[in-house]
Amino acid sequence: GWMPKEIEGLKVDYYQYLTYKIEDG
């Protein structure tokens, strides 16, 4: 479901991250 990022009306590539916090597995 990731959507393209738009900057100044131009669709661009971008870096994204997800950090999963793990507690007790």
mmCIF file of all heavy atoms, coordinates in Angstrom:
data_MODEL
# 
_entry.id   MODEL 
# 
loop_
_atom_site.group_PDB 
_atom_site.id 
_atom_site.type_symbol 
_atom_site.label_atom_id 
_atom_site.label_alt_id 
_atom_site.label_comp_id 
_atom_site.label_asym_id 
_atom_site.label_entity_id 
_atom_site.label_seq_id 
_atom_site.pdbx_PDB_ins_code 
_atom_site.Cartn_x 
_atom_site.Cartn_y 
_atom_site.Cartn_z 
_atom_site.occupancy 
_atom_site.B_iso_or_equiv 
_atom_site.pdbx_formal_charge 
_atom_site.auth_seq_id 
_atom_site.auth_comp_id 
_atom_site.auth_asym_id 
_atom_site.auth_atom_id 
_atom_site.pdbx_PDB_model_num 
ATOM 1   N N   . GLY A 1 1  ? 0.785  -1.228  0.000   1.00 0.00 ? 1  GLY A N   1 
ATOM 2   C CA  . GLY A 1 1  ? 0.000  0.000   0.000   1.00 0.00 ? 1  GLY A CA  1 
ATOM 3   C C   . GLY A 1 1  ? 0.817  1.278   0.000   1.00 0.00 ? 1  GLY A C   1 
ATOM 4   O O   . GLY A 1 1  ? 0.298  2.352   0.290   1.00 0.00 ? 1  GLY A O   1 
ATOM 5   N N   . TRP A 1 2  ? 2.106  1.174   -0.310  1.00 0.00 ? 2  TRP A N   1 
ATOM 6   C CA  . TRP A 1 2  ? 2.950  2.376   -0.310  1.00 0.00 ? 2  TRP A CA  1 
ATOM 7   C C   . TRP A 1 2  ? 2.567  3.276   -1.469  1.00 0.00 ? 2  TRP A C   1 
ATOM 8   O O   . TRP A 1 2  ? 2.334  2.813   -2.585  1.00 0.00 ? 2  TRP A O   1 
ATOM 9   C CB  . TRP A 1 2  ? 4.424  2.002   -0.372  1.00 0.00 ? 2  TRP A CB  1 
ATOM 10  C CG  . TRP A 1 2  ? 4.843  1.279   0.861   1.00 0.00 ? 2  TRP A CG  1 
ATOM 11  C CD1 . TRP A 1 2  ? 5.038  -0.069  0.976   1.00 0.00 ? 2  TRP A CD1 1 
ATOM 12  C CD2 . TRP A 1 2  ? 5.054  1.830   2.151   1.00 0.00 ? 2  TRP A CD2 1 
ATOM 13  N NE1 . TRP A 1 2  ? 5.366  -0.380  2.272   1.00 0.00 ? 2  TRP A NE1 1 
ATOM 14  C CE2 . TRP A 1 2  ? 5.382  0.765   3.025   1.00 0.00 ? 2  TRP A CE2 1 
ATOM 15  C CE3 . TRP A 1 2  ? 4.997  3.123   2.670   1.00 0.00 ? 2  TRP A CE3 1 
ATOM 16  C CZ2 . TRP A 1 2  ? 5.658  0.963   4.362   1.00 0.00 ? 2  TRP A CZ2 1 
ATOM 17  C CZ3 . TRP A 1 2  ? 5.279  3.306   4.018   1.00 0.00 ? 2  TRP A CZ3 1 
ATOM 18  C CH2 . TRP A 1 2  ? 5.602  2.240   4.842   1.00 0.00 ? 2  TRP A CH2 1 
ATOM 19  N N   . MET A 1 3  ? 2.517  4.552   -1.202  1.00 0.00 ? 3  MET A N   1 
ATOM 20  C CA  . MET A 1 3  ? 2.138  5.533   -2.220  1.00 0.00 ? 3  MET A CA  1 
ATOM 21  C C   . MET A 1 3  ? 3.365  6.331   -2.643  1.00 0.00 ? 3  MET A C   1 
ATOM 22  O O   . MET A 1 3  ? 4.241  6.604   -1.818  1.00 0.00 ? 3  MET A O   1 
ATOM 23  C CB  . MET A 1 3  ? 1.072  6.472   -1.664  1.00 0.00 ? 3  MET A CB  1 
ATOM 24  C CG  . MET A 1 3  ? -0.216 5.752   -1.301  1.00 0.00 ? 3  MET A CG  1 
ATOM 25  S SD  . MET A 1 3  ? -1.464 6.856   -0.628  1.00 0.00 ? 3  MET A SD  1 
ATOM 26  C CE  . MET A 1 3  ? -0.853 7.074   1.045   1.00 0.00 ? 3  MET A CE  1 
ATOM 27  N N   . PRO A 1 4  ? 3.412  6.700   -3.908  1.00 0.00 ? 4  PRO A N   1 
ATOM 28  C CA  . PRO A 1 4  ? 4.532  7.532   -4.354  1.00 0.00 ? 4  PRO A CA  1 
ATOM 29  C C   . PRO A 1 4  ? 4.523  8.867   -3.613  1.00 0.00 ? 4  PRO A C   1 
ATOM 30  O O   . PRO A 1 4  ? 3.465  9.385   -3.263  1.00 0.00 ? 4  PRO A O   1 
ATOM 31  C CB  . PRO A 1 4  ? 4.262  7.759   -5.846  1.00 0.00 ? 4  PRO A CB  1 
ATOM 32  C CG  . PRO A 1 4  ? 3.265  6.727   -6.224  1.00 0.00 ? 4  PRO A CG  1 
ATOM 33  C CD  . PRO A 1 4  ? 2.497  6.387   -4.992  1.00 0.00 ? 4  PRO A CD  1 
ATOM 34  N N   . LYS A 1 5  ? 5.683  9.382   -3.354  1.00 0.00 ? 5  LYS A N   1 
ATOM 35  C CA  . LYS A 1 5  ? 5.826  10.694  -2.715  1.00 0.00 ? 5  LYS A CA  1 
ATOM 36  C C   . LYS A 1 5  ? 5.843  11.747  -3.813  1.00 0.00 ? 5  LYS A C   1 
ATOM 37  O O   . LYS A 1 5  ? 6.446  11.550  -4.865  1.00 0.00 ? 5  LYS A O   1 
ATOM 38  C CB  . LYS A 1 5  ? 7.111  10.747  -1.902  1.00 0.00 ? 5  LYS A CB  1 
ATOM 39  C CG  . LYS A 1 5  ? 7.277  12.044  -1.118  1.00 0.00 ? 5  LYS A CG  1 
ATOM 40  C CD  . LYS A 1 5  ? 8.466  11.974  -0.202  1.00 0.00 ? 5  LYS A CD  1 
ATOM 41  C CE  . LYS A 1 5  ? 8.206  11.215  1.049   1.00 0.00 ? 5  LYS A CE  1 
ATOM 42  N NZ  . LYS A 1 5  ? 7.277  11.748  2.002   1.00 0.00 ? 5  LYS A NZ  1 
ATOM 43  N N   . GLU A 1 6  ? 5.158  12.838  -3.547  1.00 0.00 ? 6  GLU A N   1 
ATOM 44  C CA  . GLU A 1 6  ? 5.119  13.931  -4.511  1.00 0.00 ? 6  GLU A CA  1 
ATOM 45  C C   . GLU A 1 6  ? 5.751  15.163  -3.890  1.00 0.00 ? 6  GLU A C   1 
ATOM 46  O O   . GLU A 1 6  ? 5.371  15.588  -2.807  1.00 0.00 ? 6  GLU A O   1 
ATOM 47  C CB  . GLU A 1 6  ? 3.668  14.231  -4.892  1.00 0.00 ? 6  GLU A CB  1 
ATOM 48  C CG  . GLU A 1 6  ? 3.496  14.385  -6.377  1.00 0.00 ? 6  GLU A CG  1 
ATOM 49  C CD  . GLU A 1 6  ? 2.042  14.545  -6.770  1.00 0.00 ? 6  GLU A CD  1 
ATOM 50  O OE1 . GLU A 1 6  ? 1.345  13.524  -6.867  1.00 0.00 ? 6  GLU A OE1 1 
ATOM 51  O OE2 . GLU A 1 6  ? 1.644  15.698  -6.980  1.00 0.00 ? 6  GLU A OE2 1 
ATOM 52  N N   . ILE A 1 7  ? 6.723  15.714  -4.587  1.00 0.00 ? 7  ILE A N   1 
ATOM 53  C CA  . ILE A 1 7  ? 7.376  16.952  -4.155  1.00 0.00 ? 7  ILE A CA  1 
ATOM 54  C C   . ILE A 1 7  ? 7.294  17.929  -5.320  1.00 0.00 ? 7  ILE A C   1 
ATOM 55  O O   . ILE A 1 7  ? 7.738  17.623  -6.421  1.00 0.00 ? 7  ILE A O   1 
ATOM 56  C CB  . ILE A 1 7  ? 8.838  16.698  -3.731  1.00 0.00 ? 7  ILE A CB  1 
ATOM 57  C CG1 . ILE A 1 7  ? 8.857  15.748  -2.524  1.00 0.00 ? 7  ILE A CG1 1 
ATOM 58  C CG2 . ILE A 1 7  ? 9.551  18.004  -3.416  1.00 0.00 ? 7  ILE A CG2 1 
ATOM 59  C CD1 . ILE A 1 7  ? 10.217 15.391  -2.011  1.00 0.00 ? 7  ILE A CD1 1 
ATOM 60  N N   . GLU A 1 8  ? 6.687  19.065  -5.045  1.00 0.00 ? 8  GLU A N   1 
ATOM 61  C CA  . GLU A 1 8  ? 6.498  20.099  -6.070  1.00 0.00 ? 8  GLU A CA  1 
ATOM 62  C C   . GLU A 1 8  ? 5.788  19.524  -7.305  1.00 0.00 ? 8  GLU A C   1 
ATOM 63  O O   . GLU A 1 8  ? 6.121  19.850  -8.443  1.00 0.00 ? 8  GLU A O   1 
ATOM 64  C CB  . GLU A 1 8  ? 7.840  20.712  -6.477  1.00 0.00 ? 8  GLU A CB  1 
ATOM 65  C CG  . GLU A 1 8  ? 8.571  21.408  -5.358  1.00 0.00 ? 8  GLU A CG  1 
ATOM 66  C CD  . GLU A 1 8  ? 7.923  22.722  -4.939  1.00 0.00 ? 8  GLU A CD  1 
ATOM 67  O OE1 . GLU A 1 8  ? 7.369  23.411  -5.801  1.00 0.00 ? 8  GLU A OE1 1 
ATOM 68  O OE2 . GLU A 1 8  ? 7.977  23.036  -3.745  1.00 0.00 ? 8  GLU A OE2 1 
ATOM 69  N N   . GLY A 1 9  ? 4.845  18.614  -7.066  1.00 0.00 ? 9  GLY A N   1 
ATOM 70  C CA  . GLY A 1 9  ? 4.058  18.036  -8.156  1.00 0.00 ? 9  GLY A CA  1 
ATOM 71  C C   . GLY A 1 9  ? 4.756  16.935  -8.935  1.00 0.00 ? 9  GLY A C   1 
ATOM 72  O O   . GLY A 1 9  ? 4.222  16.413  -9.900  1.00 0.00 ? 9  GLY A O   1 
ATOM 73  N N   . LEU A 1 10 ? 5.940  16.557  -8.518  1.00 0.00 ? 10 LEU A N   1 
ATOM 74  C CA  . LEU A 1 10 ? 6.725  15.536  -9.216  1.00 0.00 ? 10 LEU A CA  1 
ATOM 75  C C   . LEU A 1 10 ? 6.807  14.290  -8.339  1.00 0.00 ? 10 LEU A C   1 
ATOM 76  O O   . LEU A 1 10 ? 7.192  14.361  -7.167  1.00 0.00 ? 10 LEU A O   1 
ATOM 77  C CB  . LEU A 1 10 ? 8.132  16.079  -9.486  1.00 0.00 ? 10 LEU A CB  1 
ATOM 78  C CG  . LEU A 1 10 ? 9.068  15.229  -10.320 1.00 0.00 ? 10 LEU A CG  1 
ATOM 79  C CD1 . LEU A 1 10 ? 8.549  15.078  -11.744 1.00 0.00 ? 10 LEU A CD1 1 
ATOM 80  C CD2 . LEU A 1 10 ? 10.448 15.868  -10.346 1.00 0.00 ? 10 LEU A CD2 1 
ATOM 81  N N   . LYS A 1 11 ? 6.415  13.127  -8.877  1.00 0.00 ? 11 LYS A N   1 
ATOM 82  C CA  . LYS A 1 11 ? 6.517  11.873  -8.127  1.00 0.00 ? 11 LYS A CA  1 
ATOM 83  C C   . LYS A 1 11 ? 7.977  11.443  -8.087  1.00 0.00 ? 11 LYS A C   1 
ATOM 84  O O   . LYS A 1 11 ? 8.649  11.405  -9.115  1.00 0.00 ? 11 LYS A O   1 
ATOM 85  C CB  . LYS A 1 11 ? 5.653  10.794  -8.770  1.00 0.00 ? 11 LYS A CB  1 
ATOM 86  C CG  . LYS A 1 11 ? 4.177  11.058  -8.600  1.00 0.00 ? 11 LYS A CG  1 
ATOM 87  C CD  . LYS A 1 11 ? 3.340  9.945   -9.160  1.00 0.00 ? 11 LYS A CD  1 
ATOM 88  C CE  . LYS A 1 11 ? 1.871  10.256  -8.928  1.00 0.00 ? 11 LYS A CE  1 
ATOM 89  N NZ  . LYS A 1 11 ? 1.003  9.240   -9.471  1.00 0.00 ? 11 LYS A NZ  1 
ATOM 90  N N   . VAL A 1 12 ? 8.445  11.135  -6.872  1.00 0.00 ? 12 VAL A N   1 
ATOM 91  C CA  . VAL A 1 12 ? 9.866  10.831  -6.673  1.00 0.00 ? 12 VAL A CA  1 
ATOM 92  C C   . VAL A 1 12 ? 10.043 9.521   -5.911  1.00 0.00 ? 12 VAL A C   1 
ATOM 93  O O   . VAL A 1 12 ? 9.132  9.047   -5.244  1.00 0.00 ? 12 VAL A O   1 
ATOM 94  C CB  . VAL A 1 12 ? 10.583 11.976  -5.910  1.00 0.00 ? 12 VAL A CB  1 
ATOM 95  C CG1 . VAL A 1 12 ? 10.549 13.269  -6.700  1.00 0.00 ? 12 VAL A CG1 1 
ATOM 96  C CG2 . VAL A 1 12 ? 9.992  12.161  -4.521  1.00 0.00 ? 12 VAL A CG2 1 
ATOM 97  N N   . ASP A 1 13 ? 11.234 8.951   -6.001  1.00 0.00 ? 13 ASP A N   1 
ATOM 98  C CA  . ASP A 1 13 ? 11.624 7.787   -5.215  1.00 0.00 ? 13 ASP A CA  1 
ATOM 99  C C   . ASP A 1 13 ? 11.987 8.272   -3.811  1.00 0.00 ? 13 ASP A C   1 
ATOM 100 O O   . ASP A 1 13 ? 12.519 9.367   -3.648  1.00 0.00 ? 13 ASP A O   1 
ATOM 101 C CB  . ASP A 1 13 ? 12.876 7.122   -5.807  1.00 0.00 ? 13 ASP A CB  1 
ATOM 102 C CG  . ASP A 1 13 ? 12.727 6.731   -7.268  1.00 0.00 ? 13 ASP A CG  1 
ATOM 103 O OD1 . ASP A 1 13 ? 11.617 6.423   -7.691  1.00 0.00 ? 13 ASP A OD1 1 
ATOM 104 O OD2 . ASP A 1 13 ? 13.753 6.738   -7.973  1.00 0.00 ? 13 ASP A OD2 1 
ATOM 105 N N   . TYR A 1 14 ? 11.718 7.427   -2.810  1.00 0.00 ? 14 TYR A N   1 
ATOM 106 C CA  . TYR A 1 14 ? 12.109 7.808   -1.451  1.00 0.00 ? 14 TYR A CA  1 
ATOM 107 C C   . TYR A 1 14 ? 12.388 6.578   -0.600  1.00 0.00 ? 14 TYR A C   1 
ATOM 108 O O   . TYR A 1 14 ? 11.868 5.505   -0.843  1.00 0.00 ? 14 TYR A O   1 
ATOM 109 C CB  . TYR A 1 14 ? 11.043 8.683   -0.785  1.00 0.00 ? 14 TYR A CB  1 
ATOM 110 C CG  . TYR A 1 14 ? 9.717  8.005   -0.513  1.00 0.00 ? 14 TYR A CG  1 
ATOM 111 C CD1 . TYR A 1 14 ? 9.419  7.474   0.742   1.00 0.00 ? 14 TYR A CD1 1 
ATOM 112 C CD2 . TYR A 1 14 ? 8.741  7.915   -1.505  1.00 0.00 ? 14 TYR A CD2 1 
ATOM 113 C CE1 . TYR A 1 14 ? 8.196  6.868   0.994   1.00 0.00 ? 14 TYR A CE1 1 
ATOM 114 C CE2 . TYR A 1 14 ? 7.511  7.314   -1.263  1.00 0.00 ? 14 TYR A CE2 1 
ATOM 115 C CZ  . TYR A 1 14 ? 7.250  6.797   -0.006  1.00 0.00 ? 14 TYR A CZ  1 
ATOM 116 O OH  . TYR A 1 14 ? 6.037  6.188   0.236   1.00 0.00 ? 14 TYR A OH  1 
ATOM 117 N N   . TYR A 1 15 ? 13.265 6.799   0.386   1.00 0.00 ? 15 TYR A N   1 
ATOM 118 C CA  . TYR A 1 15 ? 13.584 5.752   1.349   1.00 0.00 ? 15 TYR A CA  1 
ATOM 119 C C   . TYR A 1 15 ? 12.568 5.777   2.486   1.00 0.00 ? 15 TYR A C   1 
ATOM 120 O O   . TYR A 1 15 ? 12.172 6.839   2.949   1.00 0.00 ? 15 TYR A O   1 
ATOM 121 C CB  . TYR A 1 15 ? 14.989 5.943   1.923   1.00 0.00 ? 15 TYR A CB  1 
ATOM 122 C CG  . TYR A 1 15 ? 16.071 5.689   0.909   1.00 0.00 ? 15 TYR A CG  1 
ATOM 123 C CD1 . TYR A 1 15 ? 16.763 6.740   0.322   1.00 0.00 ? 15 TYR A CD1 1 
ATOM 124 C CD2 . TYR A 1 15 ? 16.379 4.394   0.530   1.00 0.00 ? 15 TYR A CD2 1 
ATOM 125 C CE1 . TYR A 1 15 ? 17.752 6.501   -0.615  1.00 0.00 ? 15 TYR A CE1 1 
ATOM 126 C CE2 . TYR A 1 15 ? 17.375 4.145   -0.411  1.00 0.00 ? 15 TYR A CE2 1 
ATOM 127 C CZ  . TYR A 1 15 ? 18.049 5.213   -0.979  1.00 0.00 ? 15 TYR A CZ  1 
ATOM 128 O OH  . TYR A 1 15 ? 19.027 4.969   -1.903  1.00 0.00 ? 15 TYR A OH  1 
ATOM 129 N N   . GLN A 1 16 ? 12.149 4.601   2.901   1.00 0.00 ? 16 GLN A N   1 
ATOM 130 C CA  . GLN A 1 16 ? 11.212 4.447   4.014   1.00 0.00 ? 16 GLN A CA  1 
ATOM 131 C C   . GLN A 1 16 ? 11.780 3.374   4.931   1.00 0.00 ? 16 GLN A C   1 
ATOM 132 O O   . GLN A 1 16 ? 12.602 2.569   4.512   1.00 0.00 ? 16 GLN A O   1 
ATOM 133 C CB  . GLN A 1 16 ? 9.840  4.022   3.482   1.00 0.00 ? 16 GLN A CB  1 
ATOM 134 C CG  . GLN A 1 16 ? 8.762  3.874   4.525   1.00 0.00 ? 16 GLN A CG  1 
ATOM 135 C CD  . GLN A 1 16 ? 8.418  5.198   5.202   1.00 0.00 ? 16 GLN A CD  1 
ATOM 136 O OE1 . GLN A 1 16 ? 8.088  6.175   4.545   1.00 0.00 ? 16 GLN A OE1 1 
ATOM 137 N NE2 . GLN A 1 16 ? 8.515  5.216   6.519   1.00 0.00 ? 16 GLN A NE2 1 
ATOM 138 N N   . TYR A 1 17 ? 11.353 3.375   6.171   1.00 0.00 ? 17 TYR A N   1 
ATOM 139 C CA  . TYR A 1 17 ? 11.755 2.312   7.076   1.00 0.00 ? 17 TYR A CA  1 
ATOM 140 C C   . TYR A 1 17 ? 10.614 1.981   8.016   1.00 0.00 ? 17 TYR A C   1 
ATOM 141 O O   . TYR A 1 17 ? 9.713  2.789   8.245   1.00 0.00 ? 17 TYR A O   1 
ATOM 142 C CB  . TYR A 1 17 ? 12.992 2.712   7.888   1.00 0.00 ? 17 TYR A CB  1 
ATOM 143 C CG  . TYR A 1 17 ? 12.704 3.684   9.006   1.00 0.00 ? 17 TYR A CG  1 
ATOM 144 C CD1 . TYR A 1 17 ? 12.414 3.226   10.286  1.00 0.00 ? 17 TYR A CD1 1 
ATOM 145 C CD2 . TYR A 1 17 ? 12.691 5.053   8.783   1.00 0.00 ? 17 TYR A CD2 1 
ATOM 146 C CE1 . TYR A 1 17 ? 12.130 4.105   11.316  1.00 0.00 ? 17 TYR A CE1 1 
ATOM 147 C CE2 . TYR A 1 17 ? 12.409 5.936   9.799   1.00 0.00 ? 17 TYR A CE2 1 
ATOM 148 C CZ  . TYR A 1 17 ? 12.127 5.464   11.065  1.00 0.00 ? 17 TYR A CZ  1 
ATOM 149 O OH  . TYR A 1 17 ? 11.833 6.342   12.079  1.00 0.00 ? 17 TYR A OH  1 
ATOM 150 N N   . LEU A 1 18 ? 10.652 0.779   8.546   1.00 0.00 ? 18 LEU A N   1 
ATOM 151 C CA  . LEU A 1 18 ? 9.774  0.349   9.624   1.00 0.00 ? 18 LEU A CA  1 
ATOM 152 C C   . LEU A 1 18 ? 10.669 -0.281  10.674  1.00 0.00 ? 18 LEU A C   1 
ATOM 153 O O   . LEU A 1 18 ? 11.502 -1.140  10.365  1.00 0.00 ? 18 LEU A O   1 
ATOM 154 C CB  . LEU A 1 18 ? 8.747  -0.673  9.141   1.00 0.00 ? 18 LEU A CB  1 
ATOM 155 C CG  . LEU A 1 18 ? 7.688  -0.163  8.168   1.00 0.00 ? 18 LEU A CG  1 
ATOM 156 C CD1 . LEU A 1 18 ? 6.826  -1.324  7.682   1.00 0.00 ? 18 LEU A CD1 1 
ATOM 157 C CD2 . LEU A 1 18 ? 6.825  0.906   8.814   1.00 0.00 ? 18 LEU A CD2 1 
ATOM 158 N N   . THR A 1 19 ? 10.521 0.153   11.915  1.00 0.00 ? 19 THR A N   1 
ATOM 159 C CA  . THR A 1 19 ? 11.255 -0.446  13.025  1.00 0.00 ? 19 THR A CA  1 
ATOM 160 C C   . THR A 1 19 ? 10.254 -1.182  13.900  1.00 0.00 ? 19 THR A C   1 
ATOM 161 O O   . THR A 1 19 ? 9.255  -0.603  14.323  1.00 0.00 ? 19 THR A O   1 
ATOM 162 C CB  . THR A 1 19 ? 11.998 0.621   13.852  1.00 0.00 ? 19 THR A CB  1 
ATOM 163 O OG1 . THR A 1 19 ? 12.984 1.229   13.025  1.00 0.00 ? 19 THR A OG1 1 
ATOM 164 C CG2 . THR A 1 19 ? 12.679 -0.004  15.066  1.00 0.00 ? 19 THR A CG2 1 
ATOM 165 N N   . TYR A 1 20 ? 10.529 -2.437  14.113  1.00 0.00 ? 20 TYR A N   1 
ATOM 166 C CA  . TYR A 1 20 ? 9.673  -3.275  14.948  1.00 0.00 ? 20 TYR A CA  1 
ATOM 167 C C   . TYR A 1 20 ? 10.329 -3.384  16.327  1.00 0.00 ? 20 TYR A C   1 
ATOM 168 O O   . TYR A 1 20 ? 11.447 -3.890  16.451  1.00 0.00 ? 20 TYR A O   1 
ATOM 169 C CB  . TYR A 1 20 ? 9.518  -4.661  14.327  1.00 0.00 ? 20 TYR A CB  1 
ATOM 170 C CG  . TYR A 1 20 ? 8.940  -4.612  12.931  1.00 0.00 ? 20 TYR A CG  1 
ATOM 171 C CD1 . TYR A 1 20 ? 9.768  -4.660  11.809  1.00 0.00 ? 20 TYR A CD1 1 
ATOM 172 C CD2 . TYR A 1 20 ? 7.569  -4.513  12.726  1.00 0.00 ? 20 TYR A CD2 1 
ATOM 173 C CE1 . TYR A 1 20 ? 9.245  -4.615  10.528  1.00 0.00 ? 20 TYR A CE1 1 
ATOM 174 C CE2 . TYR A 1 20 ? 7.031  -4.468  11.446  1.00 0.00 ? 20 TYR A CE2 1 
ATOM 175 C CZ  . TYR A 1 20 ? 7.871  -4.514  10.357  1.00 0.00 ? 20 TYR A CZ  1 
ATOM 176 O OH  . TYR A 1 20 ? 7.354  -4.461  9.083   1.00 0.00 ? 20 TYR A OH  1 
ATOM 177 N N   . LYS A 1 21 ? 9.633  -2.898  17.343  1.00 0.00 ? 21 LYS A N   1 
ATOM 178 C CA  . LYS A 1 21 ? 10.126 -3.018  18.714  1.00 0.00 ? 21 LYS A CA  1 
ATOM 179 C C   . LYS A 1 21 ? 9.701  -4.384  19.231  1.00 0.00 ? 21 LYS A C   1 
ATOM 180 O O   . LYS A 1 21 ? 8.520  -4.737  19.185  1.00 0.00 ? 21 LYS A O   1 
ATOM 181 C CB  . LYS A 1 21 ? 9.546  -1.912  19.592  1.00 0.00 ? 21 LYS A CB  1 
ATOM 182 C CG  . LYS A 1 21 ? 10.070 -1.934  21.009  1.00 0.00 ? 21 LYS A CG  1 
ATOM 183 C CD  . LYS A 1 21 ? 9.524  -0.777  21.815  1.00 0.00 ? 21 LYS A CD  1 
ATOM 184 C CE  . LYS A 1 21 ? 10.088 -0.807  23.230  1.00 0.00 ? 21 LYS A CE  1 
ATOM 185 N NZ  . LYS A 1 21 ? 9.531  0.308   24.032  1.00 0.00 ? 21 LYS A NZ  1 
ATOM 186 N N   . ILE A 1 22 ? 10.677 -5.148  19.709  1.00 0.00 ? 22 ILE A N   1 
ATOM 187 C CA  . ILE A 1 22 ? 10.425 -6.511  20.169  1.00 0.00 ? 22 ILE A CA  1 
ATOM 188 C C   . ILE A 1 22 ? 10.536 -6.556  21.695  1.00 0.00 ? 22 ILE A C   1 
ATOM 189 O O   . ILE A 1 22 ? 11.543 -6.130  22.262  1.00 0.00 ? 22 ILE A O   1 
ATOM 190 C CB  . ILE A 1 22 ? 11.453 -7.503  19.559  1.00 0.00 ? 22 ILE A CB  1 
ATOM 191 C CG1 . ILE A 1 22 ? 11.603 -7.309  18.043  1.00 0.00 ? 22 ILE A CG1 1 
ATOM 192 C CG2 . ILE A 1 22 ? 11.105 -8.937  19.925  1.00 0.00 ? 22 ILE A CG2 1 
ATOM 193 C CD1 . ILE A 1 22 ? 10.360 -7.539  17.250  1.00 0.00 ? 22 ILE A CD1 1 
ATOM 194 N N   . GLU A 1 23 ? 9.484  -7.053  22.327  1.00 0.00 ? 23 GLU A N   1 
ATOM 195 C CA  . GLU A 1 23 ? 9.488  -7.253  23.781  1.00 0.00 ? 23 GLU A CA  1 
ATOM 196 C C   . GLU A 1 23 ? 9.009  -8.669  24.063  1.00 0.00 ? 23 GLU A C   1 
ATOM 197 O O   . GLU A 1 23 ? 7.935  -9.058  23.622  1.00 0.00 ? 23 GLU A O   1 
ATOM 198 C CB  . GLU A 1 23 ? 8.580  -6.237  24.471  1.00 0.00 ? 23 GLU A CB  1 
ATOM 199 C CG  . GLU A 1 23 ? 9.086  -4.807  24.370  1.00 0.00 ? 23 GLU A CG  1 
ATOM 200 C CD  . GLU A 1 23 ? 8.188  -3.806  25.070  1.00 0.00 ? 23 GLU A CD  1 
ATOM 201 O OE1 . GLU A 1 23 ? 6.947  -3.890  24.938  1.00 0.00 ? 23 GLU A OE1 1 
ATOM 202 O OE2 . GLU A 1 23 ? 8.759  -2.936  25.745  1.00 0.00 ? 23 GLU A OE2 1 
ATOM 203 N N   . ASP A 1 24 ? 9.844  -9.418  24.782  1.00 0.00 ? 24 ASP A N   1 
ATOM 204 C CA  . ASP A 1 24 ? 9.544  -10.809 25.104  1.00 0.00 ? 24 ASP A CA  1 
ATOM 205 C C   . ASP A 1 24 ? 9.201  -11.634 23.870  1.00 0.00 ? 24 ASP A C   1 
ATOM 206 O O   . ASP A 1 24 ? 8.296  -12.476 23.889  1.00 0.00 ? 24 ASP A O   1 
ATOM 207 C CB  . ASP A 1 24 ? 8.420  -10.903 26.134  1.00 0.00 ? 24 ASP A CB  1 
ATOM 208 C CG  . ASP A 1 24 ? 8.822  -10.319 27.479  1.00 0.00 ? 24 ASP A CG  1 
ATOM 209 O OD1 . ASP A 1 24 ? 10.002 -10.469 27.852  1.00 0.00 ? 24 ASP A OD1 1 
ATOM 210 O OD2 . ASP A 1 24 ? 7.958  -9.714  28.144  1.00 0.00 ? 24 ASP A OD2 1 
ATOM 211 N N   . GLY A 1 25 ? 9.900  -11.356 22.759  1.00 0.00 ? 25 GLY A N   1 
ATOM 212 C CA  . GLY A 1 25 ? 9.740  -12.123 21.533  1.00 0.00 ? 25 GLY A CA  1 
ATOM 213 C C   . GLY A 1 25 ? 8.575  -11.701 20.654  1.00 0.00 ? 25 GLY A C   1 
ATOM 214 O O   . GLY A 1 25 ? 8.360  -12.276 19.593  1.00 0.00 ? 25 GLY A O   1 
# 
